[in-house]
């Protein structure tokens, strides 16, 4: 019991670093225009499908647990402008994957712990500067 409690306590500071860290495969993005505080703005929907990292190779994963993140696409791009580039890279790496490769690509997105979103129809829309994305590698593709 103490060992589990110790692991949980150690995990708290790490999780406090980000509002949200999401890891997934099959990422996609889509642009749309929404009204934020009465002004039309371009928002990018970033979507990924849940993947738990560092499990045994070819471990079964839940099916269809996806999450969408909405980010304002500012005129002067900050961090999230790289998300579209990373998603294209990961989509290509997923298509190029074969059984001879030991690692499989996944998408990660992190939202700053102090981020304050806009709300559009109850949905959080994050500021570009508060969002980071990158490619992560894990043991082979998930089994569904």
N, C-alpha and C. Protein backbone atom coordinates (compact mmCIF):
# COMPACT_ATOMS: atom_id res chain seq x y z
N UNK A 1 0.83 -1.19 0.00
CA UNK A 1 0.00 0.00 0.00
C UNK A 1 0.87 1.26 0.00
N UNK A 2 1.92 1.26 0.80
CA UNK A 2 2.79 2.43 0.87
C UNK A 2 3.48 2.71 -0.47
N UNK A 3 3.87 1.66 -1.17
CA UNK A 3 4.53 1.85 -2.48
C UNK A 3 3.61 2.57 -3.44
N UNK A 4 2.35 2.20 -3.51
CA UNK A 4 1.40 2.87 -4.41
C UNK A 4 1.19 4.32 -4.00
N UNK A 5 1.08 4.55 -2.70
CA UNK A 5 0.89 5.91 -2.21
C UNK A 5 2.09 6.77 -2.59
N UNK A 6 3.30 6.21 -2.45
CA UNK A 6 4.50 6.95 -2.82
C UNK A 6 4.53 7.31 -4.30
N UNK A 7 4.14 6.40 -5.15
CA UNK A 7 4.09 6.66 -6.58
C UNK A 7 3.06 7.75 -6.88
N UNK A 8 1.91 7.68 -6.23
CA UNK A 8 0.86 8.68 -6.45
C UNK A 8 1.34 10.06 -6.01
N UNK A 9 1.99 10.15 -4.87
CA UNK A 9 2.47 11.43 -4.37
C UNK A 9 3.53 12.00 -5.31
N UNK A 10 4.41 11.16 -5.82
CA UNK A 10 5.43 11.63 -6.76
C UNK A 10 4.83 12.10 -8.07
N UNK A 11 3.70 11.54 -8.45
CA UNK A 11 3.07 11.90 -9.72
C UNK A 11 2.37 13.25 -9.66
N UNK A 12 2.01 13.72 -8.50
CA UNK A 12 1.26 14.98 -8.40
C UNK A 12 2.03 16.17 -8.97
N UNK A 13 3.30 16.40 -8.60
CA UNK A 13 3.98 17.57 -9.17
C UNK A 13 4.11 17.51 -10.70
N UNK A 14 4.33 16.34 -11.25
CA UNK A 14 4.44 16.20 -12.70
C UNK A 14 3.13 16.57 -13.37
N UNK A 15 2.01 16.08 -12.84
CA UNK A 15 0.72 16.38 -13.45
C UNK A 15 0.35 17.85 -13.28
N UNK A 16 0.90 18.51 -12.29
CA UNK A 16 0.59 19.92 -12.08
C UNK A 16 1.26 20.81 -13.13
N UNK A 17 2.20 20.27 -13.90
CA UNK A 17 2.91 21.05 -14.90
C UNK A 17 2.00 21.45 -16.06
N UNK A 18 0.98 20.68 -16.34
CA UNK A 18 0.14 20.97 -17.50
C UNK A 18 -1.32 20.83 -17.14
N UNK A 19 -2.14 21.65 -17.76
CA UNK A 19 -3.58 21.53 -17.62
C UNK A 19 -4.01 20.19 -18.23
N UNK A 20 -3.51 19.92 -19.43
CA UNK A 20 -3.86 18.72 -20.15
C UNK A 20 -2.66 18.23 -20.93
N UNK A 21 -2.34 16.96 -20.80
CA UNK A 21 -1.39 16.32 -21.71
C UNK A 21 -2.13 15.16 -22.31
N UNK A 22 -2.19 15.11 -23.61
CA UNK A 22 -2.95 14.08 -24.31
C UNK A 22 -2.02 13.36 -25.25
N UNK A 23 -2.05 12.04 -25.24
CA UNK A 23 -1.24 11.24 -26.13
C UNK A 23 -2.17 10.40 -26.99
N UNK A 24 -1.96 10.41 -28.29
CA UNK A 24 -2.84 9.63 -29.14
C UNK A 24 -2.28 9.41 -30.52
N UNK A 25 -2.94 8.52 -31.23
CA UNK A 25 -2.58 8.24 -32.61
C UNK A 25 -3.66 8.74 -33.53
N UNK A 26 -3.43 8.62 -34.82
CA UNK A 26 -4.42 9.03 -35.82
C UNK A 26 -4.81 10.48 -35.68
N UNK A 27 -3.85 11.41 -35.45
CA UNK A 27 -4.24 12.80 -35.25
C UNK A 27 -4.76 13.45 -36.53
N UNK A 28 -5.57 14.48 -36.37
CA UNK A 28 -6.11 15.23 -37.50
C UNK A 28 -6.36 16.66 -37.07
N UNK A 29 -6.47 17.56 -38.03
CA UNK A 29 -6.80 18.94 -37.71
C UNK A 29 -7.76 19.48 -38.77
N UNK A 30 -8.49 20.51 -38.36
CA UNK A 30 -9.48 21.12 -39.25
C UNK A 30 -9.65 22.57 -38.81
N UNK A 31 -9.69 23.48 -39.79
CA UNK A 31 -9.90 24.89 -39.47
C UNK A 31 -11.38 25.23 -39.58
N UNK A 32 -11.81 26.19 -38.75
CA UNK A 32 -13.18 26.68 -38.79
C UNK A 32 -13.19 28.13 -38.32
N UNK A 33 -14.24 28.85 -38.61
CA UNK A 33 -14.38 30.23 -38.14
C UNK A 33 -15.47 30.25 -37.07
N UNK A 34 -15.15 30.87 -35.93
CA UNK A 34 -16.12 31.01 -34.83
C UNK A 34 -16.07 32.45 -34.34
N UNK A 35 -17.12 32.87 -33.67
CA UNK A 35 -17.16 34.20 -33.06
C UNK A 35 -16.65 34.10 -31.63
N UNK A 36 -15.59 34.84 -31.36
CA UNK A 36 -15.03 34.91 -30.00
C UNK A 36 -15.12 36.36 -29.57
N UNK A 37 -15.91 36.59 -28.54
CA UNK A 37 -16.13 37.94 -28.01
C UNK A 37 -16.57 38.89 -29.12
N UNK A 38 -17.47 38.38 -30.00
CA UNK A 38 -18.06 39.19 -31.06
C UNK A 38 -17.21 39.38 -32.31
N UNK A 39 -16.05 38.72 -32.37
CA UNK A 39 -15.16 38.86 -33.51
C UNK A 39 -14.96 37.50 -34.17
N UNK A 40 -15.11 37.41 -35.51
CA UNK A 40 -14.83 36.14 -36.19
C UNK A 40 -13.35 35.81 -36.09
N UNK A 41 -13.04 34.59 -35.64
CA UNK A 41 -11.65 34.15 -35.49
C UNK A 41 -11.50 32.77 -36.11
N UNK A 42 -10.32 32.47 -36.62
CA UNK A 42 -10.02 31.14 -37.12
C UNK A 42 -9.59 30.27 -35.95
N UNK A 43 -10.25 29.13 -35.81
CA UNK A 43 -9.95 28.16 -34.76
C UNK A 43 -9.57 26.86 -35.43
N UNK A 44 -8.55 26.21 -34.89
CA UNK A 44 -8.12 24.91 -35.40
C UNK A 44 -8.58 23.85 -34.42
N UNK A 45 -9.27 22.83 -34.95
CA UNK A 45 -9.66 21.67 -34.14
C UNK A 45 -8.57 20.62 -34.31
N UNK A 46 -7.91 20.26 -33.22
CA UNK A 46 -6.87 19.24 -33.21
C UNK A 46 -7.45 18.00 -32.54
N UNK A 47 -7.45 16.87 -33.24
CA UNK A 47 -8.08 15.66 -32.73
C UNK A 47 -7.09 14.51 -32.70
N UNK A 48 -7.14 13.75 -31.63
CA UNK A 48 -6.32 12.55 -31.51
C UNK A 48 -7.11 11.46 -30.83
N UNK A 49 -6.62 10.23 -30.94
CA UNK A 49 -7.27 9.08 -30.32
C UNK A 49 -6.37 8.54 -29.23
N UNK A 50 -6.94 8.34 -28.04
CA UNK A 50 -6.21 7.98 -26.84
C UNK A 50 -5.29 6.79 -27.04
N UNK A 51 -4.09 6.92 -26.47
CA UNK A 51 -3.13 5.81 -26.41
C UNK A 51 -2.36 5.94 -25.11
N UNK A 52 -2.37 4.87 -24.33
CA UNK A 52 -1.59 4.88 -23.09
C UNK A 52 -0.17 4.44 -23.42
N UNK A 53 0.79 5.26 -23.06
CA UNK A 53 2.19 5.00 -23.41
C UNK A 53 2.83 3.99 -22.48
N UNK A 54 3.92 3.38 -22.98
CA UNK A 54 4.82 2.50 -22.23
C UNK A 54 4.18 1.22 -21.72
N UNK A 55 3.19 0.72 -22.45
CA UNK A 55 2.66 -0.61 -22.14
C UNK A 55 3.49 -1.65 -22.89
N UNK A 56 3.25 -2.91 -22.62
CA UNK A 56 3.96 -3.96 -23.35
C UNK A 56 3.67 -3.83 -24.85
N UNK A 57 4.61 -4.23 -25.72
CA UNK A 57 4.38 -4.13 -27.16
C UNK A 57 3.08 -4.82 -27.58
N UNK A 58 2.35 -4.19 -28.47
CA UNK A 58 1.10 -4.71 -29.04
C UNK A 58 0.01 -4.92 -27.99
N UNK A 59 0.03 -4.12 -26.94
CA UNK A 59 -0.96 -4.21 -25.88
C UNK A 59 -2.29 -3.67 -26.40
N UNK A 60 -3.40 -4.29 -26.00
CA UNK A 60 -4.72 -3.83 -26.43
C UNK A 60 -5.01 -2.45 -25.84
N UNK A 61 -5.67 -1.60 -26.64
CA UNK A 61 -6.02 -0.25 -26.22
C UNK A 61 -7.53 -0.06 -26.37
N UNK A 62 -8.10 0.88 -25.66
CA UNK A 62 -9.53 1.19 -25.84
C UNK A 62 -9.79 1.65 -27.28
N UNK A 63 -10.98 1.38 -27.77
CA UNK A 63 -11.35 1.75 -29.13
C UNK A 63 -12.11 3.07 -29.12
N UNK A 64 -11.71 3.98 -30.00
CA UNK A 64 -12.49 5.18 -30.28
C UNK A 64 -12.52 6.26 -29.21
N UNK A 65 -11.63 6.20 -28.23
CA UNK A 65 -11.60 7.25 -27.22
C UNK A 65 -10.77 8.42 -27.77
N UNK A 66 -11.44 9.34 -28.42
CA UNK A 66 -10.77 10.48 -29.01
C UNK A 66 -11.06 11.73 -28.24
N UNK A 67 -10.23 12.73 -28.47
CA UNK A 67 -10.46 14.02 -27.84
C UNK A 67 -10.09 15.11 -28.83
N UNK A 68 -10.91 16.15 -28.85
CA UNK A 68 -10.64 17.30 -29.72
C UNK A 68 -10.24 18.49 -28.86
N UNK A 69 -9.26 19.23 -29.34
CA UNK A 69 -8.79 20.45 -28.69
C UNK A 69 -8.97 21.58 -29.69
N UNK A 70 -9.43 22.72 -29.22
CA UNK A 70 -9.68 23.86 -30.10
C UNK A 70 -8.71 24.98 -29.74
N UNK A 71 -8.03 25.51 -30.75
CA UNK A 71 -6.99 26.51 -30.54
C UNK A 71 -7.20 27.67 -31.51
N UNK A 72 -7.15 28.91 -30.98
CA UNK A 72 -7.25 30.09 -31.83
C UNK A 72 -5.98 30.17 -32.68
N UNK A 73 -6.17 30.34 -33.97
CA UNK A 73 -5.03 30.47 -34.87
C UNK A 73 -4.72 31.96 -35.00
N UNK A 74 -3.73 32.40 -34.24
CA UNK A 74 -3.37 33.82 -34.22
C UNK A 74 -2.64 34.23 -35.49
N UNK A 75 -2.67 35.53 -35.77
CA UNK A 75 -1.96 36.05 -36.94
C UNK A 75 -0.46 35.89 -36.78
N UNK A 76 0.03 36.03 -35.56
CA UNK A 76 1.45 35.81 -35.28
C UNK A 76 1.56 34.47 -34.56
N UNK A 77 1.81 33.38 -35.28
CA UNK A 77 1.77 32.04 -34.66
C UNK A 77 2.77 31.88 -33.51
N UNK A 78 2.34 31.16 -32.51
CA UNK A 78 3.19 30.79 -31.38
C UNK A 78 3.39 29.28 -31.43
N UNK A 79 3.20 28.62 -30.32
CA UNK A 79 3.46 27.18 -30.24
C UNK A 79 2.53 26.33 -31.09
N UNK A 80 1.25 26.57 -31.02
CA UNK A 80 0.28 25.68 -31.68
C UNK A 80 0.40 25.70 -33.19
N UNK A 81 1.05 26.70 -33.76
CA UNK A 81 1.22 26.70 -35.21
C UNK A 81 2.02 25.47 -35.66
N UNK A 82 2.80 24.91 -34.76
CA UNK A 82 3.58 23.71 -35.08
C UNK A 82 2.74 22.44 -35.00
N UNK A 83 1.57 22.50 -34.38
CA UNK A 83 0.74 21.30 -34.24
C UNK A 83 0.33 20.73 -35.60
N UNK A 84 -0.05 21.59 -36.53
CA UNK A 84 -0.44 21.11 -37.86
C UNK A 84 0.74 20.42 -38.54
N UNK A 85 1.93 20.99 -38.40
CA UNK A 85 3.13 20.39 -38.99
C UNK A 85 3.40 19.03 -38.36
N UNK A 86 3.30 18.95 -37.04
CA UNK A 86 3.53 17.67 -36.36
C UNK A 86 2.49 16.64 -36.76
N UNK A 87 1.24 17.06 -36.87
CA UNK A 87 0.19 16.10 -37.26
C UNK A 87 0.46 15.53 -38.64
N UNK A 88 0.84 16.38 -39.59
CA UNK A 88 1.20 15.89 -40.94
C UNK A 88 2.36 14.91 -40.86
N UNK A 89 3.38 15.24 -40.07
CA UNK A 89 4.54 14.36 -39.92
C UNK A 89 4.12 13.01 -39.34
N UNK A 90 3.30 13.03 -38.30
CA UNK A 90 2.88 11.78 -37.65
C UNK A 90 1.99 10.96 -38.57
N UNK A 91 1.08 11.61 -39.30
CA UNK A 91 0.24 10.88 -40.25
C UNK A 91 1.12 10.14 -41.26
N UNK A 92 2.15 10.81 -41.78
CA UNK A 92 3.07 10.18 -42.72
C UNK A 92 3.85 9.04 -42.09
N UNK A 93 4.32 9.25 -40.85
CA UNK A 93 5.07 8.20 -40.15
C UNK A 93 4.20 6.99 -39.84
N UNK A 94 2.91 7.23 -39.52
CA UNK A 94 1.99 6.10 -39.28
C UNK A 94 1.81 5.29 -40.56
N UNK A 95 1.64 5.98 -41.69
CA UNK A 95 1.47 5.28 -42.97
C UNK A 95 2.72 4.52 -43.38
N UNK A 96 3.91 5.03 -43.03
CA UNK A 96 5.17 4.40 -43.41
C UNK A 96 5.59 3.28 -42.46
N UNK A 97 4.87 3.12 -41.37
CA UNK A 97 5.26 2.12 -40.36
C UNK A 97 5.09 0.72 -40.92
N UNK A 98 6.01 -0.17 -40.53
CA UNK A 98 5.89 -1.59 -40.86
C UNK A 98 6.39 -2.42 -39.68
N UNK A 99 6.18 -3.72 -39.73
CA UNK A 99 6.49 -4.61 -38.61
C UNK A 99 7.98 -4.63 -38.25
N UNK A 100 8.85 -4.22 -39.16
CA UNK A 100 10.28 -4.22 -38.88
C UNK A 100 10.69 -3.07 -37.96
N UNK A 101 9.87 -2.06 -37.88
CA UNK A 101 10.17 -0.91 -37.02
C UNK A 101 9.73 -1.21 -35.59
N UNK A 102 10.60 -0.93 -34.64
CA UNK A 102 10.29 -1.27 -33.25
C UNK A 102 9.42 -0.23 -32.56
N UNK A 103 9.40 0.99 -33.07
CA UNK A 103 8.64 2.05 -32.41
C UNK A 103 7.57 2.58 -33.36
N UNK A 104 6.45 3.07 -32.78
CA UNK A 104 5.32 3.58 -33.55
C UNK A 104 5.07 5.03 -33.14
N UNK A 105 4.75 5.92 -34.10
CA UNK A 105 4.58 7.34 -33.78
C UNK A 105 3.21 7.66 -33.18
N UNK A 106 3.22 8.58 -32.22
CA UNK A 106 2.01 9.08 -31.60
C UNK A 106 2.12 10.59 -31.46
N UNK A 107 0.97 11.23 -31.30
CA UNK A 107 0.91 12.67 -31.17
C UNK A 107 0.68 13.04 -29.72
N UNK A 108 1.39 14.05 -29.24
CA UNK A 108 1.16 14.55 -27.89
C UNK A 108 0.86 16.04 -27.97
N UNK A 109 -0.06 16.46 -27.13
CA UNK A 109 -0.40 17.88 -27.01
C UNK A 109 -0.41 18.22 -25.53
N UNK A 110 0.12 19.39 -25.21
CA UNK A 110 0.14 19.84 -23.82
C UNK A 110 -0.39 21.27 -23.76
N UNK A 111 -1.22 21.53 -22.78
CA UNK A 111 -1.79 22.86 -22.56
C UNK A 111 -1.25 23.37 -21.23
N UNK A 112 -0.75 24.58 -21.23
CA UNK A 112 -0.12 25.16 -20.03
C UNK A 112 -1.07 25.15 -18.84
N UNK A 113 -0.49 24.92 -17.66
CA UNK A 113 -1.28 24.83 -16.43
C UNK A 113 -2.00 26.14 -16.10
N UNK A 114 -1.42 27.26 -16.47
CA UNK A 114 -2.04 28.55 -16.15
C UNK A 114 -2.87 29.10 -17.31
N UNK A 115 -3.15 28.28 -18.30
CA UNK A 115 -3.90 28.72 -19.49
C UNK A 115 -5.34 29.08 -19.12
N UNK A 116 -5.82 30.16 -19.71
CA UNK A 116 -7.21 30.61 -19.52
C UNK A 116 -7.88 30.59 -20.89
N UNK A 117 -8.80 29.67 -21.13
CA UNK A 117 -9.41 29.58 -22.46
C UNK A 117 -10.54 30.58 -22.65
N UNK A 118 -10.87 30.81 -23.91
CA UNK A 118 -12.16 31.42 -24.27
C UNK A 118 -13.17 30.28 -24.20
N UNK A 119 -14.45 30.60 -24.06
CA UNK A 119 -15.48 29.57 -24.14
C UNK A 119 -16.43 29.91 -25.26
N UNK A 120 -16.60 28.97 -26.19
CA UNK A 120 -17.52 29.14 -27.32
C UNK A 120 -18.54 28.01 -27.20
N UNK A 121 -19.79 28.36 -26.94
CA UNK A 121 -20.84 27.37 -26.72
C UNK A 121 -20.43 26.35 -25.66
N UNK A 122 -19.79 26.81 -24.60
CA UNK A 122 -19.39 25.95 -23.50
C UNK A 122 -18.12 25.15 -23.75
N UNK A 123 -17.53 25.31 -24.90
CA UNK A 123 -16.34 24.54 -25.27
C UNK A 123 -15.09 25.40 -25.09
N UNK A 124 -14.04 24.89 -24.39
CA UNK A 124 -12.84 25.70 -24.23
C UNK A 124 -12.07 25.83 -25.54
N UNK A 125 -11.68 27.06 -25.84
CA UNK A 125 -10.85 27.34 -27.01
C UNK A 125 -9.58 27.99 -26.46
N UNK A 126 -8.45 27.33 -26.68
CA UNK A 126 -7.19 27.73 -26.07
C UNK A 126 -6.46 28.77 -26.91
N UNK A 127 -5.70 29.61 -26.23
CA UNK A 127 -4.82 30.55 -26.90
C UNK A 127 -3.66 29.77 -27.52
N UNK A 128 -3.24 30.18 -28.68
CA UNK A 128 -2.15 29.53 -29.41
C UNK A 128 -0.88 29.41 -28.56
N UNK A 129 -0.56 30.44 -27.81
CA UNK A 129 0.68 30.46 -27.03
C UNK A 129 0.70 29.44 -25.89
N UNK A 130 -0.49 28.92 -25.50
CA UNK A 130 -0.58 28.00 -24.37
C UNK A 130 -0.52 26.53 -24.77
N UNK A 131 -0.37 26.26 -26.08
CA UNK A 131 -0.46 24.89 -26.57
C UNK A 131 0.84 24.47 -27.24
N UNK A 132 1.32 23.28 -26.90
CA UNK A 132 2.50 22.69 -27.55
C UNK A 132 2.14 21.30 -28.05
N UNK A 133 2.73 20.91 -29.17
CA UNK A 133 2.52 19.58 -29.75
C UNK A 133 3.86 19.00 -30.18
N UNK A 134 3.94 17.69 -30.25
CA UNK A 134 5.14 17.02 -30.73
C UNK A 134 4.81 15.57 -31.04
N UNK A 135 5.80 14.88 -31.61
CA UNK A 135 5.66 13.46 -31.92
C UNK A 135 6.35 12.66 -30.83
N UNK A 136 5.70 11.61 -30.36
CA UNK A 136 6.28 10.68 -29.39
C UNK A 136 6.34 9.31 -30.05
N UNK A 137 7.21 8.47 -29.58
CA UNK A 137 7.34 7.12 -30.11
C UNK A 137 7.06 6.13 -28.98
N UNK A 138 6.39 5.04 -29.33
CA UNK A 138 6.07 4.01 -28.35
C UNK A 138 6.22 2.64 -28.99
N UNK A 139 6.07 1.59 -28.17
CA UNK A 139 6.28 0.22 -28.62
C UNK A 139 5.18 -0.25 -29.56
N UNK A 140 5.33 -0.06 -30.84
CA UNK A 140 4.42 -0.59 -31.83
C UNK A 140 3.03 0.02 -31.79
N UNK A 141 2.21 -0.30 -32.79
CA UNK A 141 0.86 0.26 -32.87
C UNK A 141 -0.08 -0.38 -31.85
N UNK A 142 -1.11 0.30 -31.46
CA UNK A 142 -2.08 -0.30 -30.53
C UNK A 142 -2.92 -1.35 -31.25
N UNK A 143 -3.37 -2.34 -30.51
CA UNK A 143 -4.30 -3.33 -31.02
C UNK A 143 -5.70 -2.93 -30.57
N UNK A 144 -6.65 -2.95 -31.47
CA UNK A 144 -8.00 -2.56 -31.12
C UNK A 144 -8.91 -3.76 -31.14
